[in-house]
N, C-alpha and C. Protein backbone atom coordinates (compact mmCIF):
# COMPACT_ATOMS: atom_id res chain seq x y z
N MET A 1 11.51 -16.00 -2.36
CA MET A 1 10.25 -15.50 -1.88
C MET A 1 10.19 -13.99 -2.12
N TYR A 2 9.05 -13.57 -2.58
CA TYR A 2 8.83 -12.14 -2.81
C TYR A 2 7.67 -11.66 -1.97
N ALA A 3 7.60 -10.36 -1.76
CA ALA A 3 6.55 -9.78 -0.93
C ALA A 3 5.75 -8.78 -1.73
N ALA A 4 4.51 -8.66 -1.34
CA ALA A 4 3.64 -7.60 -1.85
C ALA A 4 3.11 -6.86 -0.63
N ILE A 5 3.21 -5.57 -0.65
CA ILE A 5 2.66 -4.76 0.43
C ILE A 5 1.28 -4.30 -0.01
N VAL A 6 0.29 -4.59 0.81
CA VAL A 6 -1.10 -4.25 0.50
C VAL A 6 -1.55 -3.13 1.42
N LEU A 7 -2.00 -2.05 0.82
CA LEU A 7 -2.43 -0.87 1.58
C LEU A 7 -3.89 -0.57 1.32
N PRO A 8 -4.77 -0.84 2.27
CA PRO A 8 -6.14 -0.39 2.13
C PRO A 8 -6.21 1.08 2.50
N ALA A 9 -6.96 1.86 1.74
CA ALA A 9 -7.00 3.30 2.03
C ALA A 9 -8.39 3.86 1.77
N PHE A 10 -8.84 4.72 2.65
CA PHE A 10 -10.10 5.44 2.47
C PHE A 10 -9.89 6.88 2.92
N ASN A 11 -9.99 7.81 1.99
CA ASN A 11 -9.84 9.24 2.27
C ASN A 11 -8.56 9.54 3.05
N GLU A 12 -7.44 9.14 2.49
CA GLU A 12 -6.13 9.32 3.11
C GLU A 12 -5.25 10.29 2.32
N GLU A 13 -5.86 11.29 1.71
CA GLU A 13 -5.08 12.19 0.84
C GLU A 13 -3.92 12.87 1.56
N ASP A 14 -4.05 13.15 2.84
CA ASP A 14 -2.98 13.84 3.56
C ASP A 14 -1.86 12.90 4.00
N SER A 15 -2.18 11.64 4.24
CA SER A 15 -1.18 10.73 4.79
C SER A 15 -0.58 9.75 3.77
N ILE A 16 -1.22 9.57 2.64
CA ILE A 16 -0.76 8.54 1.71
C ILE A 16 0.61 8.86 1.10
N GLY A 17 0.87 10.12 0.81
CA GLY A 17 2.16 10.50 0.24
C GLY A 17 3.32 10.21 1.18
N PRO A 18 3.27 10.72 2.42
CA PRO A 18 4.36 10.42 3.36
C PRO A 18 4.51 8.92 3.63
N LEU A 19 3.39 8.21 3.72
CA LEU A 19 3.44 6.77 3.96
C LEU A 19 4.15 6.05 2.81
N LEU A 20 3.79 6.36 1.58
CA LEU A 20 4.41 5.69 0.43
C LEU A 20 5.89 6.05 0.30
N ARG A 21 6.25 7.29 0.57
CA ARG A 21 7.67 7.67 0.51
C ARG A 21 8.47 6.90 1.56
N GLU A 22 7.91 6.75 2.75
CA GLU A 22 8.58 6.01 3.82
C GLU A 22 8.73 4.54 3.44
N ILE A 23 7.68 3.95 2.90
CA ILE A 23 7.74 2.55 2.48
C ILE A 23 8.78 2.39 1.38
N ARG A 24 8.78 3.29 0.41
CA ARG A 24 9.73 3.20 -0.70
C ARG A 24 11.17 3.23 -0.20
N ASP A 25 11.43 4.10 0.77
CA ASP A 25 12.78 4.17 1.34
C ASP A 25 13.15 2.88 2.06
N LYS A 26 12.20 2.29 2.76
CA LYS A 26 12.47 1.10 3.56
C LYS A 26 12.59 -0.18 2.73
N ILE A 27 11.93 -0.27 1.60
CA ILE A 27 11.95 -1.52 0.85
C ILE A 27 13.09 -1.61 -0.15
N ASP A 28 13.86 -0.54 -0.29
CA ASP A 28 14.98 -0.57 -1.22
C ASP A 28 15.92 -1.72 -0.85
N GLY A 29 16.12 -2.62 -1.77
CA GLY A 29 16.98 -3.77 -1.53
C GLY A 29 16.28 -4.98 -0.96
N LEU A 30 15.00 -4.85 -0.61
CA LEU A 30 14.24 -5.98 -0.10
C LEU A 30 13.50 -6.66 -1.25
N PRO A 31 13.07 -7.89 -1.07
CA PRO A 31 12.39 -8.62 -2.14
C PRO A 31 10.91 -8.25 -2.27
N VAL A 32 10.63 -6.97 -2.33
CA VAL A 32 9.25 -6.50 -2.50
C VAL A 32 9.05 -6.25 -3.98
N ARG A 33 8.13 -6.98 -4.57
CA ARG A 33 7.90 -6.85 -6.00
C ARG A 33 6.86 -5.77 -6.31
N GLU A 34 5.90 -5.58 -5.42
CA GLU A 34 4.87 -4.57 -5.69
C GLU A 34 4.22 -4.06 -4.42
N VAL A 35 3.67 -2.87 -4.55
CA VAL A 35 2.84 -2.27 -3.53
C VAL A 35 1.46 -2.13 -4.15
N VAL A 36 0.46 -2.72 -3.50
CA VAL A 36 -0.91 -2.68 -4.01
C VAL A 36 -1.72 -1.77 -3.10
N LEU A 37 -2.12 -0.63 -3.62
CA LEU A 37 -2.96 0.31 -2.89
C LEU A 37 -4.40 0.07 -3.32
N VAL A 38 -5.26 -0.24 -2.36
CA VAL A 38 -6.68 -0.41 -2.66
C VAL A 38 -7.40 0.81 -2.12
N ASP A 39 -7.83 1.67 -3.04
CA ASP A 39 -8.58 2.86 -2.69
C ASP A 39 -10.04 2.44 -2.52
N ASP A 40 -10.48 2.41 -1.28
CA ASP A 40 -11.79 1.86 -0.94
C ASP A 40 -12.90 2.91 -1.05
N GLY A 41 -13.09 3.41 -2.27
CA GLY A 41 -14.18 4.36 -2.51
C GLY A 41 -13.92 5.76 -1.98
N SER A 42 -12.66 6.16 -1.91
CA SER A 42 -12.34 7.50 -1.40
C SER A 42 -13.03 8.59 -2.22
N THR A 43 -13.37 9.66 -1.52
CA THR A 43 -13.98 10.82 -2.18
C THR A 43 -13.01 12.00 -2.22
N ASP A 44 -11.76 11.74 -1.90
CA ASP A 44 -10.74 12.79 -1.91
C ASP A 44 -9.66 12.42 -2.93
N ALA A 45 -8.49 12.99 -2.78
CA ALA A 45 -7.40 12.80 -3.74
C ALA A 45 -6.42 11.71 -3.32
N THR A 46 -6.89 10.70 -2.63
CA THR A 46 -5.99 9.62 -2.18
C THR A 46 -5.20 9.02 -3.34
N ALA A 47 -5.88 8.59 -4.38
CA ALA A 47 -5.19 7.93 -5.51
C ALA A 47 -4.24 8.88 -6.22
N ALA A 48 -4.68 10.09 -6.47
CA ALA A 48 -3.83 11.08 -7.16
C ALA A 48 -2.59 11.39 -6.34
N ASN A 49 -2.73 11.53 -5.04
CA ASN A 49 -1.58 11.81 -4.19
C ASN A 49 -0.63 10.62 -4.11
N ALA A 50 -1.19 9.42 -4.19
CA ALA A 50 -0.34 8.22 -4.20
C ALA A 50 0.51 8.18 -5.47
N ILE A 51 -0.11 8.46 -6.59
CA ILE A 51 0.62 8.49 -7.87
C ILE A 51 1.70 9.56 -7.84
N ALA A 52 1.37 10.73 -7.31
CA ALA A 52 2.35 11.82 -7.23
C ALA A 52 3.52 11.45 -6.34
N ALA A 53 3.25 10.75 -5.25
CA ALA A 53 4.32 10.39 -4.30
C ALA A 53 5.19 9.26 -4.83
N TRP A 54 4.62 8.31 -5.55
CA TRP A 54 5.36 7.13 -6.01
C TRP A 54 6.09 7.38 -7.32
N GLY A 55 5.53 8.24 -8.15
CA GLY A 55 6.15 8.51 -9.44
C GLY A 55 5.76 7.48 -10.48
N SER A 56 6.60 7.31 -11.47
CA SER A 56 6.26 6.45 -12.61
C SER A 56 6.68 4.99 -12.43
N ASP A 57 7.21 4.64 -11.28
CA ASP A 57 7.63 3.26 -11.01
C ASP A 57 6.41 2.34 -11.09
N PRO A 58 6.45 1.32 -11.96
CA PRO A 58 5.29 0.44 -12.14
C PRO A 58 5.05 -0.53 -10.98
N SER A 59 5.87 -0.49 -9.95
CA SER A 59 5.65 -1.41 -8.83
C SER A 59 4.47 -1.00 -7.95
N LEU A 60 3.95 0.21 -8.14
CA LEU A 60 2.73 0.62 -7.43
C LEU A 60 1.53 0.31 -8.30
N ARG A 61 0.61 -0.47 -7.75
CA ARG A 61 -0.66 -0.75 -8.43
C ARG A 61 -1.77 -0.14 -7.60
N ILE A 62 -2.66 0.56 -8.25
CA ILE A 62 -3.80 1.15 -7.55
C ILE A 62 -5.06 0.48 -8.06
N ILE A 63 -5.83 -0.05 -7.14
CA ILE A 63 -7.12 -0.65 -7.44
C ILE A 63 -8.16 0.19 -6.73
N ARG A 64 -9.22 0.54 -7.44
CA ARG A 64 -10.25 1.39 -6.85
C ARG A 64 -11.56 0.64 -6.71
N HIS A 65 -12.10 0.66 -5.50
CA HIS A 65 -13.47 0.19 -5.30
C HIS A 65 -14.39 1.34 -5.68
N GLY A 66 -15.44 1.06 -6.40
CA GLY A 66 -16.39 2.10 -6.81
C GLY A 66 -17.14 2.72 -5.64
N ARG A 67 -17.29 1.93 -4.59
CA ARG A 67 -17.92 2.43 -3.37
C ARG A 67 -17.21 1.79 -2.19
N ARG A 68 -17.36 2.39 -1.03
CA ARG A 68 -16.67 1.89 0.16
C ARG A 68 -17.18 0.50 0.52
N GLN A 69 -16.22 -0.42 0.71
CA GLN A 69 -16.57 -1.80 1.06
C GLN A 69 -15.95 -2.23 2.39
N GLY A 70 -15.15 -1.39 2.98
CA GLY A 70 -14.55 -1.69 4.28
C GLY A 70 -13.13 -2.19 4.17
N GLN A 71 -12.42 -2.09 5.29
CA GLN A 71 -11.00 -2.42 5.31
C GLN A 71 -10.75 -3.90 5.00
N SER A 72 -11.55 -4.79 5.55
CA SER A 72 -11.34 -6.22 5.30
C SER A 72 -11.48 -6.56 3.83
N ARG A 73 -12.50 -6.00 3.18
CA ARG A 73 -12.70 -6.27 1.75
C ARG A 73 -11.56 -5.65 0.94
N ALA A 74 -11.10 -4.47 1.35
CA ALA A 74 -9.98 -3.83 0.64
C ALA A 74 -8.72 -4.69 0.77
N LEU A 75 -8.47 -5.23 1.94
CA LEU A 75 -7.32 -6.12 2.12
C LEU A 75 -7.45 -7.35 1.23
N LEU A 76 -8.61 -7.95 1.23
CA LEU A 76 -8.83 -9.13 0.41
C LEU A 76 -8.63 -8.82 -1.08
N THR A 77 -9.15 -7.70 -1.53
CA THR A 77 -8.96 -7.28 -2.92
C THR A 77 -7.48 -7.15 -3.23
N GLY A 78 -6.73 -6.52 -2.35
CA GLY A 78 -5.29 -6.31 -2.56
C GLY A 78 -4.50 -7.60 -2.56
N ILE A 79 -4.82 -8.49 -1.64
CA ILE A 79 -4.11 -9.76 -1.57
C ILE A 79 -4.38 -10.58 -2.82
N ARG A 80 -5.63 -10.60 -3.26
CA ARG A 80 -5.97 -11.34 -4.48
C ARG A 80 -5.28 -10.75 -5.71
N ALA A 81 -5.09 -9.45 -5.71
CA ALA A 81 -4.49 -8.79 -6.87
C ALA A 81 -2.97 -8.90 -6.92
N ALA A 82 -2.37 -9.23 -5.80
CA ALA A 82 -0.91 -9.31 -5.77
C ALA A 82 -0.42 -10.32 -6.80
N SER A 83 0.47 -9.89 -7.65
CA SER A 83 0.90 -10.74 -8.76
C SER A 83 2.25 -11.40 -8.52
N THR A 84 2.69 -11.43 -7.27
CA THR A 84 3.99 -12.02 -6.98
C THR A 84 3.89 -13.53 -6.89
N THR A 85 5.01 -14.19 -7.01
CA THR A 85 5.07 -15.64 -6.88
C THR A 85 5.21 -15.98 -5.41
N LYS A 86 4.25 -16.73 -4.89
CA LYS A 86 4.23 -17.11 -3.47
C LYS A 86 4.50 -15.90 -2.58
N PRO A 87 3.68 -14.86 -2.69
CA PRO A 87 3.97 -13.65 -1.92
C PRO A 87 3.66 -13.80 -0.44
N THR A 88 4.39 -13.03 0.33
CA THR A 88 4.04 -12.80 1.72
C THR A 88 3.41 -11.42 1.72
N ALA A 89 2.13 -11.34 1.95
CA ALA A 89 1.44 -10.05 1.91
C ALA A 89 1.60 -9.35 3.25
N VAL A 90 2.00 -8.13 3.22
CA VAL A 90 2.15 -7.32 4.42
C VAL A 90 1.09 -6.24 4.36
N ALA A 91 0.13 -6.27 5.26
CA ALA A 91 -0.95 -5.29 5.27
C ALA A 91 -0.60 -4.14 6.20
N VAL A 92 -0.77 -2.94 5.73
CA VAL A 92 -0.51 -1.76 6.54
C VAL A 92 -1.72 -0.85 6.44
N ALA A 93 -2.40 -0.61 7.55
CA ALA A 93 -3.54 0.31 7.54
C ALA A 93 -3.01 1.71 7.32
N THR A 94 -3.72 2.51 6.55
CA THR A 94 -3.22 3.84 6.22
C THR A 94 -3.92 4.95 7.00
N ASN A 95 -4.49 4.61 8.14
CA ASN A 95 -5.15 5.66 8.92
C ASN A 95 -4.16 6.32 9.86
N VAL A 96 -4.61 7.29 10.61
CA VAL A 96 -3.73 8.08 11.46
C VAL A 96 -3.04 7.24 12.53
N SER A 97 -3.69 6.17 13.00
CA SER A 97 -3.09 5.37 14.07
C SER A 97 -1.84 4.62 13.61
N LEU A 98 -1.68 4.42 12.32
CA LEU A 98 -0.47 3.78 11.80
C LEU A 98 0.22 4.75 10.85
N SER A 99 0.99 5.63 11.43
CA SER A 99 1.69 6.64 10.65
C SER A 99 2.92 6.04 10.00
N PRO A 100 3.62 6.79 9.14
CA PRO A 100 4.80 6.27 8.45
C PRO A 100 5.84 5.59 9.33
N PRO A 101 6.15 6.09 10.54
CA PRO A 101 7.13 5.35 11.34
C PRO A 101 6.70 3.92 11.65
N ASN A 102 5.41 3.70 11.86
CA ASN A 102 4.92 2.35 12.11
C ASN A 102 4.96 1.50 10.84
N ALA A 103 4.77 2.11 9.72
CA ALA A 103 4.87 1.38 8.44
C ALA A 103 6.30 0.89 8.25
N SER A 104 7.26 1.68 8.72
CA SER A 104 8.65 1.28 8.60
C SER A 104 8.92 -0.01 9.33
N SER A 105 8.36 -0.15 10.52
CA SER A 105 8.61 -1.38 11.27
C SER A 105 8.00 -2.58 10.57
N ALA A 106 6.88 -2.39 9.88
CA ALA A 106 6.29 -3.50 9.10
C ALA A 106 7.21 -3.87 7.95
N ALA A 107 7.77 -2.91 7.26
CA ALA A 107 8.67 -3.18 6.14
C ALA A 107 9.95 -3.86 6.65
N ASP A 108 10.38 -3.54 7.86
CA ASP A 108 11.58 -4.16 8.43
C ASP A 108 11.41 -5.66 8.67
N ARG A 109 10.16 -6.13 8.77
CA ARG A 109 9.90 -7.53 9.05
C ARG A 109 9.88 -8.41 7.81
N ILE A 110 10.05 -7.85 6.64
CA ILE A 110 10.06 -8.66 5.42
C ILE A 110 11.39 -9.38 5.34
N PRO A 111 11.35 -10.71 5.22
CA PRO A 111 12.62 -11.46 5.18
C PRO A 111 13.40 -11.16 3.90
N PRO A 112 14.74 -11.12 4.01
CA PRO A 112 15.56 -10.86 2.81
C PRO A 112 15.53 -12.01 1.84
């Protein structure tokens, strides 16, 4: 079994970098095949900051909505885009209420 982490994001330029670095540290050695970031029509540097934080590793996929469609639609887009075999999708909201420490606990729940 493999996992895909789906991150809906809207105007999260300040928090996306720390969140992705924390997730990257936590998933090392876990069966996570990809992280799917759905940029839900952000008007800031969310996508650029995500790329800068993740680097050239192809396990990060960024999908951009042309206009804001809401968190539920962003989650659905990300889950549909996950290319893993029988994935367990782990959704992590990227707003202030779920900071990187909370993302860590979500990554800890992925079965080995």
